[in-house]
PDB file of N, CA and C in Angstrom:
ATOM      1  N   UNK A   1      29.199  -9.154  13.126  1.00  0.00           N
ATOM      2  CA  UNK A   1      29.716  -9.239  14.479  1.00  0.00           C
ATOM      3  C   UNK A   1      30.580 -10.491  14.639  1.00  0.00           C
ATOM      4  N   UNK A   2      30.124 -11.572  14.038  1.00  0.00           N
ATOM      5  CA  UNK A   2      30.856 -12.825  14.131  1.00  0.00           C
ATOM      6  C   UNK A   2      32.241 -12.678  13.487  1.00  0.00           C
ATOM      7  N   UNK A   3      32.288 -11.992  12.343  1.00  0.00           N
ATOM      8  CA  UNK A   3      33.557 -11.803  11.651  1.00  0.00           C
ATOM      9  C   UNK A   3      34.498 -10.904  12.447  1.00  0.00           C
ATOM     10  N   UNK A   4      33.945  -9.920  13.113  1.00  0.00           N
ATOM     11  CA  UNK A   4      34.747  -9.035  13.941  1.00  0.00           C
ATOM     12  C   UNK A   4      35.397  -9.815  15.080  1.00  0.00           C
ATOM     13  N   UNK A   5      34.634 -10.670  15.727  1.00  0.00           N
ATOM     14  CA  UNK A   5      35.152 -11.492  16.819  1.00  0.00           C
ATOM     15  C   UNK A   5      36.267 -12.408  16.318  1.00  0.00           C
ATOM     16  N   UNK A   6      36.047 -13.071  15.195  1.00  0.00           N
ATOM     17  CA  UNK A   6      37.053 -13.979  14.634  1.00  0.00           C
ATOM     18  C   UNK A   6      38.318 -13.198  14.268  1.00  0.00           C
ATOM     19  N   UNK A   7      38.171 -12.018  13.699  1.00  0.00           N
ATOM     20  CA  UNK A   7      39.322 -11.191  13.325  1.00  0.00           C
ATOM     21  C   UNK A   7      40.120 -10.760  14.548  1.00  0.00           C
ATOM     22  N   UNK A   8      39.427 -10.288  15.569  1.00  0.00           N
ATOM     23  CA  UNK A   8      40.109  -9.875  16.793  1.00  0.00           C
ATOM     24  C   UNK A   8      40.793 -11.048  17.474  1.00  0.00           C
ATOM     25  N   UNK A   9      40.154 -12.185  17.494  1.00  0.00           N
ATOM     26  CA  UNK A   9      40.736 -13.376  18.091  1.00  0.00           C
ATOM     27  C   UNK A   9      42.030 -13.753  17.368  1.00  0.00           C
ATOM     28  N   UNK A  10      42.012 -13.692  16.042  1.00  0.00           N
ATOM     29  CA  UNK A  10      43.195 -14.014  15.243  1.00  0.00           C
ATOM     30  C   UNK A  10      44.330 -13.039  15.529  1.00  0.00           C
ATOM     31  N   UNK A  11      44.023 -11.764  15.666  1.00  0.00           N
ATOM     32  CA  UNK A  11      45.048 -10.762  15.961  1.00  0.00           C
ATOM     33  C   UNK A  11      45.673 -11.024  17.328  1.00  0.00           C
ATOM     34  N   UNK A  12      44.861 -11.307  18.346  1.00  0.00           N
ATOM     35  CA  UNK A  12      45.389 -11.574  19.684  1.00  0.00           C
ATOM     36  C   UNK A  12      46.263 -12.820  19.695  1.00  0.00           C
ATOM     37  N   UNK A  13      45.862 -13.855  18.992  1.00  0.00           N
ATOM     38  CA  UNK A  13      46.663 -15.074  18.920  1.00  0.00           C
ATOM     39  C   UNK A  13      47.995 -14.786  18.234  1.00  0.00           C
ATOM     40  N   UNK A  14      47.986 -13.986  17.193  1.00  0.00           N
ATOM     41  CA  UNK A  14      49.214 -13.639  16.475  1.00  0.00           C
ATOM     42  C   UNK A  14      50.192 -12.907  17.372  1.00  0.00           C
ATOM     43  N   UNK A  15      49.698 -11.925  18.151  1.00  0.00           N
ATOM     44  CA  UNK A  15      50.578 -11.204  19.051  1.00  0.00           C
ATOM     45  C   UNK A  15      51.123 -12.110  20.137  1.00  0.00           C
ATOM     46  N   UNK A  16      50.340 -13.000  20.649  1.00  0.00           N
ATOM     47  CA  UNK A  16      50.792 -13.928  21.678  1.00  0.00           C
ATOM     48  C   UNK A  16      51.877 -14.848  21.162  1.00  0.00           C
ATOM     49  N   UNK A  17      51.741 -15.317  19.948  1.00  0.00           N
ATOM     50  CA  UNK A  17      52.737 -16.213  19.369  1.00  0.00           C
ATOM     51  C   UNK A  17      54.048 -15.482  19.112  1.00  0.00           C
ATOM     52  N   UNK A  18      53.988 -14.222  18.694  1.00  0.00           N
ATOM     53  CA  UNK A  18      55.211 -13.495  18.392  1.00  0.00           C
ATOM     54  C   UNK A  18      55.957 -13.083  19.660  1.00  0.00           C
ATOM     55  N   UNK A  19      55.310 -13.054  20.803  1.00  0.00           N
ATOM     56  CA  UNK A  19      55.950 -12.654  22.038  1.00  0.00           C
ATOM     57  C   UNK A  19      56.723 -13.793  22.693  1.00  0.00           C
ATOM     58  N   UNK A  20      56.558 -15.012  22.210  1.00  0.00           N
ATOM     59  CA  UNK A  20      57.259 -16.135  22.793  1.00  0.00           C
ATOM     60  C   UNK A  20      58.740 -16.049  22.451  1.00  0.00           C
ATOM     61  N   UNK A  21      59.591 -16.463  23.406  1.00  0.00           N
ATOM     62  CA  UNK A  21      61.022 -16.425  23.171  1.00  0.00           C
ATOM     63  C   UNK A  21      61.499 -17.777  22.664  1.00  0.00           C
ATOM     64  N   UNK A  22      62.569 -17.733  21.898  1.00  0.00           N
ATOM     65  CA  UNK A  22      63.169 -18.940  21.357  1.00  0.00           C
ATOM     66  C   UNK A  22      64.304 -19.349  22.282  1.00  0.00           C
ATOM     67  N   UNK A  23      64.418 -20.641  22.561  1.00  0.00           N
ATOM     68  CA  UNK A  23      65.489 -21.121  23.422  1.00  0.00           C
ATOM     69  C   UNK A  23      66.836 -20.881  22.743  1.00  0.00           C
ATOM     70  N   UNK A  24      67.818 -20.384  23.478  1.00  0.00           N
ATOM     71  CA  UNK A  24      69.127 -20.130  22.892  1.00  0.00           C
ATOM     72  C   UNK A  24      69.773 -21.408  22.362  1.00  0.00           C
ATOM     73  N   UNK A  25      70.457 -21.288  21.246  1.00  0.00           N
ATOM     74  CA  UNK A  25      71.202 -22.401  20.655  1.00  0.00           C
ATOM     75  C   UNK A  25      72.668 -22.232  21.039  1.00  0.00           C
ATOM     76  N   UNK A  26      73.120 -23.037  21.999  1.00  0.00           N
ATOM     77  CA  UNK A  26      74.485 -22.940  22.505  1.00  0.00           C
ATOM     78  C   UNK A  26      75.432 -23.880  21.752  1.00  0.00           C
ATOM     79  N   UNK A  27      74.963 -24.559  20.682  1.00  0.00           N
ATOM     80  CA  UNK A  27      75.749 -25.616  20.032  1.00  0.00           C
ATOM     81  C   UNK A  27      76.966 -25.105  19.267  1.00  0.00           C
ATOM     82  N   UNK A  28      76.942 -23.876  18.765  1.00  0.00           N
ATOM     83  CA  UNK A  28      78.064 -23.374  17.968  1.00  0.00           C
ATOM     84  C   UNK A  28      78.397 -21.934  18.342  1.00  0.00           C
ATOM     85  N   UNK A  29      78.907 -21.713  19.562  1.00  0.00           N
ATOM     86  CA  UNK A  29      79.210 -20.339  19.967  1.00  0.00           C
ATOM     87  C   UNK A  29      80.383 -19.770  19.175  1.00  0.00           C
ATOM     88  N   UNK A  30      80.341 -18.463  18.959  1.00  0.00           N
ATOM     89  CA  UNK A  30      81.387 -17.761  18.224  1.00  0.00           C
ATOM     90  C   UNK A  30      82.297 -17.008  19.191  1.00  0.00           C
ATOM     91  N   UNK A  31      83.564 -16.811  18.811  1.00  0.00           N
ATOM     92  CA  UNK A  31      84.395 -15.896  19.599  1.00  0.00           C
ATOM     93  C   UNK A  31      84.009 -14.456  19.275  1.00  0.00           C
ATOM     94  N   UNK A  32      84.268 -13.550  20.180  1.00  0.00           N
ATOM     95  CA  UNK A  32      83.831 -12.163  19.991  1.00  0.00           C
ATOM     96  C   UNK A  32      84.488 -11.490  18.798  1.00  0.00           C
ATOM     97  N   UNK A  33      85.680 -11.904  18.404  1.00  0.00           N
ATOM     98  CA  UNK A  33      86.350 -11.243  17.267  1.00  0.00           C
ATOM     99  C   UNK A  33      85.609 -11.468  15.954  1.00  0.00           C
ATOM    100  N   UNK A  34      84.740 -12.494  15.874  1.00  0.00           N
ATOM    101  CA  UNK A  34      83.986 -12.784  14.656  1.00  0.00           C
ATOM    102  C   UNK A  34      82.556 -12.256  14.684  1.00  0.00           C
ATOM    103  N   UNK A  35      82.203 -11.502  15.688  1.00  0.00           N
ATOM    104  CA  UNK A  35      80.807 -11.142  15.908  1.00  0.00           C
ATOM    105  C   UNK A  35      80.312 -10.038  14.979  1.00  0.00           C
ATOM    106  N   UNK A  36      81.177  -9.163  14.501  1.00  0.00           N
ATOM    107  CA  UNK A  36      80.739  -8.036  13.664  1.00  0.00           C
ATOM    108  C   UNK A  36      80.081  -8.510  12.368  1.00  0.00           C
ATOM    109  N   UNK A  37      80.452  -9.678  11.890  1.00  0.00           N
ATOM    110  CA  UNK A  37      79.862 -10.217  10.656  1.00  0.00           C
ATOM    111  C   UNK A  37      78.469 -10.784  10.889  1.00  0.00           C
ATOM    112  N   UNK A  38      78.013 -10.803  12.123  1.00  0.00           N
ATOM    113  CA  UNK A  38      76.734 -11.425  12.465  1.00  0.00           C
ATOM    114  C   UNK A  38      75.632 -10.416  12.773  1.00  0.00           C
ATOM    115  N   UNK A  39      75.803  -9.165  12.378  1.00  0.00           N
ATOM    116  CA  UNK A  39      74.792  -8.136  12.646  1.00  0.00           C
ATOM    117  C   UNK A  39      73.446  -8.579  12.067  1.00  0.00           C
ATOM    118  N   UNK A  40      72.393  -8.375  12.845  1.00  0.00           N
ATOM    119  CA  UNK A  40      71.015  -8.753  12.507  1.00  0.00           C
ATOM    120  C   UNK A  40      70.761 -10.253  12.605  1.00  0.00           C
ATOM    121  N   UNK A  41      71.677 -10.999  13.223  1.00  0.00           N
ATOM    122  CA  UNK A  41      71.470 -12.427  13.469  1.00  0.00           C
ATOM    123  C   UNK A  41      71.550 -12.677  14.969  1.00  0.00           C
ATOM    124  N   UNK A  42      70.786 -13.648  15.447  1.00  0.00           N
ATOM    125  CA  UNK A  42      70.895 -14.069  16.844  1.00  0.00           C
ATOM    126  C   UNK A  42      71.946 -15.157  16.924  1.00  0.00           C
ATOM    127  N   UNK A  43      72.932 -14.947  17.793  1.00  0.00           N
ATOM    128  CA  UNK A  43      74.052 -15.884  17.908  1.00  0.00           C
ATOM    129  C   UNK A  43      74.431 -16.080  19.363  1.00  0.00           C
ATOM    130  N   UNK A  44      75.148 -17.162  19.595  1.00  0.00           N
ATOM    131  CA  UNK A  44      75.791 -17.384  20.882  1.00  0.00           C
ATOM    132  C   UNK A  44      77.240 -16.948  20.736  1.00  0.00           C
ATOM    133  N   UNK A  45      77.719 -16.207  21.701  1.00  0.00           N
ATOM    134  CA  UNK A  45      79.117 -15.781  21.702  1.00  0.00           C
ATOM    135  C   UNK A  45      79.706 -16.119  23.063  1.00  0.00           C
ATOM    136  N   UNK A  46      80.875 -16.730  23.042  1.00  0.00           N
ATOM    137  CA  UNK A  46      81.574 -17.080  24.274  1.00  0.00           C
ATOM    138  C   UNK A  46      82.976 -16.499  24.208  1.00  0.00           C
ATOM    139  N   UNK A  47      83.326 -15.713  25.202  1.00  0.00           N
ATOM    140  CA  UNK A  47      84.655 -15.113  25.232  1.00  0.00           C
ATOM    141  C   UNK A  47      84.892 -14.527  26.619  1.00  0.00           C
ATOM    142  N   UNK A  48      86.094 -14.017  26.825  1.00  0.00           N
ATOM    143  CA  UNK A  48      86.498 -13.503  28.127  1.00  0.00           C
ATOM    144  C   UNK A  48      85.927 -12.113  28.384  1.00  0.00           C
ATOM    145  N   UNK A  49      85.371 -11.947  29.571  1.00  0.00           N
ATOM    146  CA  UNK A  49      84.876 -10.640  30.007  1.00  0.00           C
ATOM    147  C   UNK A  49      86.076  -9.810  30.426  1.00  0.00           C
ATOM    148  N   UNK A  50      86.279  -8.700  29.722  1.00  0.00           N
ATOM    149  CA  UNK A  50      87.438  -7.846  29.988  1.00  0.00           C
ATOM    150  C   UNK A  50      87.172  -6.830  31.082  1.00  0.00           C
ATOM    151  N   UNK A  51      86.020  -6.176  31.023  1.00  0.00           N
ATOM    152  CA  UNK A  51      85.619  -5.236  32.063  1.00  0.00           C
ATOM    153  C   UNK A  51      84.113  -5.010  31.984  1.00  0.00           C
ATOM    154  N   UNK A  52      83.608  -4.236  32.917  1.00  0.00           N
ATOM    155  CA  UNK A  52      82.161  -3.982  32.966  1.00  0.00           C
ATOM    156  C   UNK A  52      81.919  -2.638  33.631  1.00  0.00           C
ATOM    157  N   UNK A  53      80.696  -2.158  33.444  1.00  0.00           N
ATOM    158  CA  UNK A  53      80.284  -0.919  34.109  1.00  0.00           C
ATOM    159  C   UNK A  53      78.826  -1.057  34.504  1.00  0.00           C
ATOM    160  N   UNK A  54      78.530  -0.908  35.767  1.00  0.00           N
ATOM    161  CA  UNK A  54      77.158  -0.890  36.252  1.00  0.00           C
ATOM    162  C   UNK A  54      76.676   0.549  36.121  1.00  0.00           C
ATOM    163  N   UNK A  55      75.809   0.785  35.143  1.00  0.00           N
ATOM    164  CA  UNK A  55      75.315   2.132  34.856  1.00  0.00           C
ATOM    165  C   UNK A  55      74.181   2.495  35.802  1.00  0.00           C
ATOM    166  N   UNK A  56      73.320   1.517  36.077  1.00  0.00           N
ATOM    167  CA  UNK A  56      72.183   1.719  36.974  1.00  0.00           C
ATOM    168  C   UNK A  56      71.742   0.343  37.465  1.00  0.00           C
ATOM    169  N   UNK A  57      70.773   0.285  38.378  1.00  0.00           N
ATOM    170  CA  UNK A  57      70.295  -1.029  38.828  1.00  0.00           C
ATOM    171  C   UNK A  57      69.686  -1.877  37.702  1.00  0.00           C
ATOM    172  N   UNK A  58      69.334  -1.249  36.581  1.00  0.00           N
ATOM    173  CA  UNK A  58      68.718  -1.997  35.478  1.00  0.00           C
ATOM    174  C   UNK A  58      69.545  -1.958  34.190  1.00  0.00           C
ATOM    175  N   UNK A  59      70.823  -1.547  34.280  1.00  0.00           N
ATOM    176  CA  UNK A  59      71.693  -1.545  33.107  1.00  0.00           C
ATOM    177  C   UNK A  59      73.144  -1.802  33.511  1.00  0.00           C
ATOM    178  N   UNK A  60      73.682  -2.907  32.996  1.00  0.00           N
ATOM    179  CA  UNK A  60      75.095  -3.230  33.174  1.00  0.00           C
ATOM    180  C   UNK A  60      75.696  -3.454  31.799  1.00  0.00           C
ATOM    181  N   UNK A  61      76.819  -2.807  31.519  1.00  0.00           N
ATOM    182  CA  UNK A  61      77.523  -2.971  30.253  1.00  0.00           C
ATOM    183  C   UNK A  61      78.738  -3.859  30.481  1.00  0.00           C
ATOM    184  N   UNK A  62      78.821  -4.949  29.727  1.00  0.00           N
ATOM    185  CA  UNK A  62      79.903  -5.916  29.859  1.00  0.00           C
ATOM    186  C   UNK A  62      80.711  -5.905  28.562  1.00  0.00           C
ATOM    187  N   UNK A  63      82.007  -5.654  28.671  1.00  0.00           N
ATOM    188  CA  UNK A  63      82.878  -5.608  27.497  1.00  0.00           C
ATOM    189  C   UNK A  63      83.604  -6.938  27.333  1.00  0.00           C
ATOM    190  N   UNK A  64      83.517  -7.463  26.130  1.00  0.00           N
ATOM    191  CA  UNK A  64      84.060  -8.779  25.804  1.00  0.00           C
ATOM    192  C   UNK A  64      85.192  -8.603  24.795  1.00  0.00           C
ATOM    193  N   UNK A  65      86.283  -9.360  24.993  1.00  0.00           N
ATOM    194  CA  UNK A  65      87.368  -9.356  24.022  1.00  0.00           C
ATOM    195  C   UNK A  65      88.169  -8.070  23.991  1.00  0.00           C
ATOM    196  N   UNK A  66      88.272  -7.376  25.077  1.00  0.00           N
ATOM    197  CA  UNK A  66      89.046  -6.146  25.164  1.00  0.00           C
ATOM    198  C   UNK A  66      88.372  -5.135  26.065  1.00  0.00           C
ATOM    199  N   UNK A  67      89.190  -4.274  26.641  1.00  0.00           N
ATOM    200  CA  UNK A  67      88.661  -3.230  27.524  1.00  0.00           C
ATOM    201  C   UNK A  67      88.117  -2.075  26.692  1.00  0.00           C
ATOM    202  N   UNK A  68      87.111  -1.389  27.230  1.00  0.00           N
ATOM    203  CA  UNK A  68      86.533  -0.220  26.573  1.00  0.00           C
ATOM    204  C   UNK A  68      87.628   0.817  26.347  1.00  0.00           C
ATOM    205  N   UNK A  69      87.752   1.411  25.217  1.00  0.00           N
ATOM    206  CA  UNK A  69      86.892   1.424  24.031  1.00  0.00           C
ATOM    207  C   UNK A  69      87.330   0.448  22.937  1.00  0.00           C
ATOM    208  N   UNK A  70      88.197  -0.491  23.267  1.00  0.00           N
ATOM    209  CA  UNK A  70      88.742  -1.413  22.267  1.00  0.00           C
ATOM    210  C   UNK A  70      88.110  -2.806  22.329  1.00  0.00           C
ATOM    211  N   UNK A  71      86.932  -2.918  22.885  1.00  0.00           N
ATOM    212  CA  UNK A  71      86.258  -4.204  23.015  1.00  0.00           C
ATOM    213  C   UNK A  71      85.779  -4.722  21.654  1.00  0.00           C
ATOM    214  N   UNK A  72      85.695  -6.053  21.535  1.00  0.00           N
ATOM    215  CA  UNK A  72      85.114  -6.656  20.331  1.00  0.00           C
ATOM    216  C   UNK A  72      83.596  -6.586  20.364  1.00  0.00           C
ATOM    217  N   UNK A  73      83.020  -6.626  21.572  1.00  0.00           N
ATOM    218  CA  UNK A  73      81.571  -6.704  21.745  1.00  0.00           C
ATOM    219  C   UNK A  73      81.192  -6.114  23.089  1.00  0.00           C
ATOM    220  N   UNK A  74      80.068  -5.408  23.118  1.00  0.00           N
ATOM    221  CA  UNK A  74      79.474  -4.964  24.377  1.00  0.00           C
ATOM    222  C   UNK A  74      78.188  -5.746  24.576  1.00  0.00           C
ATOM    223  N   UNK A  75      78.023  -6.295  25.772  1.00  0.00           N
ATOM    224  CA  UNK A  75      76.776  -6.962  26.146  1.00  0.00           C
ATOM    225  C   UNK A  75      76.069  -6.026  27.114  1.00  0.00           C
ATOM    226  N   UNK A  76      74.879  -5.571  26.733  1.00  0.00           N
ATOM    227  CA  UNK A  76      74.089  -4.680  27.579  1.00  0.00           C
ATOM    228  C   UNK A  76      73.027  -5.520  28.286  1.00  0.00           C
ATOM    229  N   UNK A  77      73.165  -5.674  29.591  1.00  0.00           N
ATOM    230  CA  UNK A  77      72.193  -6.418  30.387  1.00  0.00           C
ATOM    231  C   UNK A  77      71.184  -5.403  30.895  1.00  0.00           C
ATOM    232  N   UNK A  78      69.939  -5.504  30.382  1.00  0.00           N
ATOM    233  CA  UNK A  78      68.916  -4.500  30.670  1.00  0.00           C
ATOM    234  C   UNK A  78      67.712  -5.103  31.377  1.00  0.00           C
ATOM    235  N   UNK A  79      67.096  -4.304  32.219  1.00  0.00           N
ATOM    236  CA  UNK A  79      65.844  -4.683  32.862  1.00  0.00           C
ATOM    237  C   UNK A  79      66.045  -5.241  34.250  1.00  0.00           C
ATOM    238  N   UNK A  80      64.927  -5.511  34.905  1.00  0.00           N
ATOM    239  CA  UNK A  80      64.985  -5.993  36.280  1.00  0.00           C
ATOM    240  C   UNK A  80      64.757  -7.505  36.399  1.00  0.00           C
ATOM    241  N   UNK A  81      64.693  -8.219  35.278  1.00  0.00           N
ATOM    242  CA  UNK A  81      64.517  -9.674  35.318  1.00  0.00           C
ATOM    243  C   UNK A  81      65.815 -10.403  35.626  1.00  0.00           C
ATOM    244  N   UNK A  82      66.936  -9.735  35.380  1.00  0.00           N
ATOM    245  CA  UNK A  82      68.239 -10.379  35.525  1.00  0.00           C
ATOM    246  C   UNK A  82      69.002  -9.734  36.671  1.00  0.00           C
ATOM    247  N   UNK A  83      69.423 -10.538  37.610  1.00  0.00           N
ATOM    248  CA  UNK A  83      70.261 -10.074  38.706  1.00  0.00           C
ATOM    249  C   UNK A  83      71.596 -10.797  38.582  1.00  0.00           C
ATOM    250  N   UNK A  84      72.648 -10.037  38.244  1.00  0.00           N
ATOM    251  CA  UNK A  84      73.974 -10.630  38.131  1.00  0.00           C
ATOM    252  C   UNK A  84      74.969  -9.815  38.931  1.00  0.00           C
ATOM    253  N   UNK A  85      76.070 -10.457  39.261  1.00  0.00           N
ATOM    254  CA  UNK A  85      77.208  -9.790  39.869  1.00  0.00           C
ATOM    255  C   UNK A  85      78.306  -9.827  38.805  1.00  0.00           C
ATOM    256  N   UNK A  86      78.438  -8.768  38.043  1.00  0.00           N
ATOM    257  CA  UNK A  86      79.376  -8.738  36.919  1.00  0.00           C
ATOM    258  C   UNK A  86      80.816  -8.943  37.365  1.00  0.00           C
ATOM    259  N   UNK A  87      81.137  -8.596  38.600  1.00  0.00           N
ATOM    260  CA  UNK A  87      82.500  -8.802  39.101  1.00  0.00           C
ATOM    261  C   UNK A  87      82.871 -10.288  39.084  1.00  0.00           C
ATOM    262  N   UNK A  88      81.889 -11.169  39.250  1.00  0.00           N
ATOM    263  CA  UNK A  88      82.156 -12.613  39.200  1.00  0.00           C
ATOM    264  C   UNK A  88      82.458 -13.091  37.781  1.00  0.00           C
ATOM    265  N   UNK A  89      82.104 -12.297  36.789  1.00  0.00           N
ATOM    266  CA  UNK A  89      82.343 -12.648  35.388  1.00  0.00           C
ATOM    267  C   UNK A  89      83.715 -12.199  34.895  1.00  0.00           C
ATOM    268  N   UNK A  90      84.265 -11.170  35.516  1.00  0.00           N
ATOM    269  CA  UNK A  90      85.499 -10.564  35.014  1.00  0.00           C
ATOM    270  C   UNK A  90      86.615 -11.591  34.900  1.00  0.00           C
ATOM    271  N   UNK A  91      87.297 -11.562  33.758  1.00  0.00           N
ATOM    272  CA  UNK A  91      88.412 -12.459  33.424  1.00  0.00           C
ATOM    273  C   UNK A  91      87.995 -13.905  33.217  1.00  0.00           C
ATOM    274  N   UNK A  92      86.704 -14.154  33.077  1.00  0.00           N
ATOM    275  CA  UNK A  92      86.212 -15.517  32.830  1.00  0.00           C
ATOM    276  C   UNK A  92      85.559 -15.574  31.462  1.00  0.00           C
ATOM    277  N   UNK A  93      85.583 -16.759  30.870  1.00  0.00           N
ATOM    278  CA  UNK A  93      84.866 -16.978  29.612  1.00  0.00           C
ATOM    279  C   UNK A  93      83.393 -17.154  29.946  1.00  0.00           C
ATOM    280  N   UNK A  94      82.565 -16.290  29.396  1.00  0.00           N
ATOM    281  CA  UNK A  94      81.128 -16.326  29.647  1.00  0.00           C
ATOM    282  C   UNK A  94      80.427 -16.357  28.291  1.00  0.00           C
ATOM    283  N   UNK A  95      79.278 -17.054  28.231  1.00  0.00           N
ATOM    284  CA  UNK A  95      78.521 -17.181  26.984  1.00  0.00           C
ATOM    285  C   UNK A  95      77.219 -16.395  27.068  1.00  0.00           C
ATOM    286  N   UNK A  96      76.934 -15.647  26.002  1.00  0.00           N
ATOM    287  CA  UNK A  96      75.738 -14.830  25.887  1.00  0.00           C
ATOM    288  C   UNK A  96      75.044 -15.182  24.579  1.00  0.00           C
ATOM    289  N   UNK A  97      73.722 -14.978  24.524  1.00  0.00           N
ATOM    290  CA  UNK A  97      72.961 -15.272  23.310  1.00  0.00           C
ATOM    291  C   UNK A  97      71.993 -14.132  23.025  1.00  0.00           C
ATOM    292  N   UNK A  98      71.969 -13.698  21.766  1.00  0.00           N
ATOM    293  CA  UNK A  98      71.008 -12.669  21.397  1.00  0.00           C
ATOM    294  C   UNK A  98      71.309 -12.097  20.032  1.00  0.00           C
ATOM    295  N   UNK A  99      70.449 -11.176  19.590  1.00  0.00           N
ATOM    296  CA  UNK A  99      70.659 -10.542  18.289  1.00  0.00           C
ATOM    297  C   UNK A  99      71.793  -9.516  18.355  1.00  0.00           C
ATOM    298  N   UNK A 100      72.628  -9.530  17.340  1.00  0.00           N
ATOM    299  CA  UNK A 100      73.748  -8.601  17.263  1.00  0.00           C
ATOM    300  C   UNK A 100      73.286  -7.328  16.547  1.00  0.00           C
ATOM    301  N   UNK A 101      73.535  -6.206  17.182  1.00  0.00           N
ATOM    302  CA  UNK A 101      73.248  -4.897  16.584  1.00  0.00           C
ATOM    303  C   UNK A 101      74.530  -4.061  16.639  1.00  0.00           C
ATOM    304  N   UNK A 102      74.467  -2.882  16.085  1.00  0.00           N
ATOM    305  CA  UNK A 102      75.594  -1.945  16.172  1.00  0.00           C
ATOM    306  C   UNK A 102      75.148  -0.750  17.004  1.00  0.00           C
ATOM    307  N   UNK A 103      75.951  -0.413  18.017  1.00  0.00           N
ATOM    308  CA  UNK A 103      75.696   0.752  18.854  1.00  0.00           C
ATOM    309  C   UNK A 103      76.999   1.524  18.981  1.00  0.00           C
ATOM    310  N   UNK A 104      76.996   2.766  18.572  1.00  0.00           N
ATOM    311  CA  UNK A 104      78.197   3.614  18.579  1.00  0.00           C
ATOM    312  C   UNK A 104      79.360   2.918  17.865  1.00  0.00           C
ATOM    313  N   UNK A 105      79.068   2.385  16.685  1.00  0.00           N
ATOM    314  CA  UNK A 105      80.052   1.740  15.812  1.00  0.00           C
ATOM    315  C   UNK A 105      80.692   0.481  16.393  1.00  0.00           C
ATOM    316  N   UNK A 106      80.070  -0.128  17.403  1.00  0.00           N
ATOM    317  CA  UNK A 106      80.577  -1.363  17.992  1.00  0.00           C
ATOM    318  C   UNK A 106      79.454  -2.393  18.042  1.00  0.00           C
ATOM    319  N   UNK A 107      79.781  -3.675  17.840  1.00  0.00           N
ATOM    320  CA  UNK A 107      78.753  -4.711  17.980  1.00  0.00           C
ATOM    321  C   UNK A 107      78.243  -4.784  19.419  1.00  0.00           C
ATOM    322  N   UNK A 108      76.937  -5.034  19.541  1.00  0.00           N
ATOM    323  CA  UNK A 108      76.307  -5.122  20.861  1.00  0.00           C
ATOM    324  C   UNK A 108      75.246  -6.204  20.850  1.00  0.00           C
ATOM    325  N   UNK A 109      75.118  -6.900  21.968  1.00  0.00           N
ATOM    326  CA  UNK A 109      74.014  -7.827  22.205  1.00  0.00           C
ATOM    327  C   UNK A 109      73.286  -7.320  23.437  1.00  0.00           C
ATOM    328  N   UNK A 110      71.977  -7.165  23.324  1.00  0.00           N
ATOM    329  CA  UNK A 110      71.160  -6.733  24.460  1.00  0.00           C
ATOM    330  C   UNK A 110      70.555  -7.976  25.104  1.00  0.00           C
ATOM    331  N   UNK A 111      70.774  -8.105  26.396  1.00  0.00           N
ATOM    332  CA  UNK A 111      70.276  -9.236  27.182  1.00  0.00           C
ATOM    333  C   UNK A 111      69.131  -8.734  28.052  1.00  0.00           C
ATOM    334  N   UNK A 112      67.959  -9.385  27.914  1.00  0.00           N
ATOM    335  CA  UNK A 112      66.808  -8.995  28.732  1.00  0.00           C
ATOM    336  C   UNK A 112      66.211 -10.170  29.501  1.00  0.00           C
ATOM    337  N   UNK A 113      66.661 -11.388  29.201  1.00  0.00           N
ATOM    338  CA  UNK A 113      66.130 -12.595  29.835  1.00  0.00           C
ATOM    339  C   UNK A 113      67.276 -13.419  30.427  1.00  0.00           C
ATOM    340  N   UNK A 114      67.079 -14.044  31.583  1.00  0.00           N
ATOM    341  CA  UNK A 114      68.140 -14.854  32.190  1.00  0.00           C
ATOM    342  C   UNK A 114      68.642 -15.985  31.288  1.00  0.00           C
ATOM    343  N   UNK A 115      67.777 -16.517  30.433  1.00  0.00           N
ATOM    344  CA  UNK A 115      68.157 -17.617  29.558  1.00  0.00           C
ATOM    345  C   UNK A 115      69.218 -17.217  28.539  1.00  0.00           C
ATOM    346  N   UNK A 116      69.445 -15.926  28.364  1.00  0.00           N
ATOM    347  CA  UNK A 116      70.412 -15.447  27.395  1.00  0.00           C
ATOM    348  C   UNK A 116      71.846 -15.455  27.920  1.00  0.00           C
ATOM    349  N   UNK A 117      72.028 -15.818  29.193  1.00  0.00           N
ATOM    350  CA  UNK A 117      73.357 -15.961  29.783  1.00  0.00           C
ATOM    351  C   UNK A 117      73.500 -17.415  30.219  1.00  0.00           C
ATOM    352  N   UNK A 118      74.468 -18.100  29.624  1.00  0.00           N
ATOM    353  CA  UNK A 118      74.648 -19.518  29.937  1.00  0.00           C
ATOM    354  C   UNK A 118      75.150 -19.666  31.381  1.00  0.00           C
ATOM    355  N   UNK A 119      74.539 -20.611  32.091  1.00  0.00           N
ATOM    356  CA  UNK A 119      74.906 -20.901  33.482  1.00  0.00           C
ATOM    357  C   UNK A 119      74.869 -19.654  34.363  1.00  0.00           C
ATOM    358  N   UNK A 120      73.810 -18.891  34.243  1.00  0.00           N
ATOM    359  CA  UNK A 120      73.699 -17.598  34.944  1.00  0.00           C
ATOM    360  C   UNK A 120      73.807 -17.731  36.465  1.00  0.00           C
ATOM    361  N   UNK A 121      73.425 -18.865  37.025  1.00  0.00           N
ATOM    362  CA  UNK A 121      73.408 -18.998  38.490  1.00  0.00           C
ATOM    363  C   UNK A 121      74.777 -18.791  39.123  1.00  0.00           C
ATOM    364  N   UNK A 122      75.845 -19.082  38.407  1.00  0.00           N
ATOM    365  CA  UNK A 122      77.166 -18.890  38.990  1.00  0.00           C
ATOM    366  C   UNK A 122      77.592 -17.414  39.040  1.00  0.00           C
ATOM    367  N   UNK A 123      76.793 -16.534  38.431  1.00  0.00           N
ATOM    368  CA  UNK A 123      77.122 -15.108  38.411  1.00  0.00           C
ATOM    369  C   UNK A 123      76.121 -14.280  39.210  1.00  0.00           C
ATOM    370  N   UNK A 124      75.294 -14.898  40.002  1.00  0.00           N
ATOM    371  CA  UNK A 124      74.284 -14.163  40.769  1.00  0.00           C
ATOM    372  C   UNK A 124      74.717 -13.982  42.204  1.00  0.00           C
TER     373      UNK A 124
END
C-alpha cells in the first residue's frame, strides 16, 4: 500500500510539472519569412499583420507576412483565455511566441495563453 501511494504521488507530481508553461523568450524574434525552417520548435516571431478572420468567439486566424492564401505564417488564437481585437493589430508589427507546426501546407503557431502575444494589452 505504501508503494502504491508513493507511485501515485510521483505520477501526479510529474503531470503537474509538465503542465507548467515556459515564459516566452522575446530576445531573438524571427521574421515570418524564416519561420518554415522552425517547425517543431518554439520561437518568437515578429512581423506585420496582413489580415485576420474571426472564425468564432474562441478562434481568430491572423495572417502574418502576406494576405491569405499567400501568408508566411498563420497565428491561430484559440480558447476563451485571450480577448483581443484583431483589427487593432492589422498593419502593425506584432510579436507572437509558440511552437511552429504545419497546417494545410502553411506554418502555423497556435496561441492559447495571453503571454504568447507580446504587449497584448494594446490589442484588447
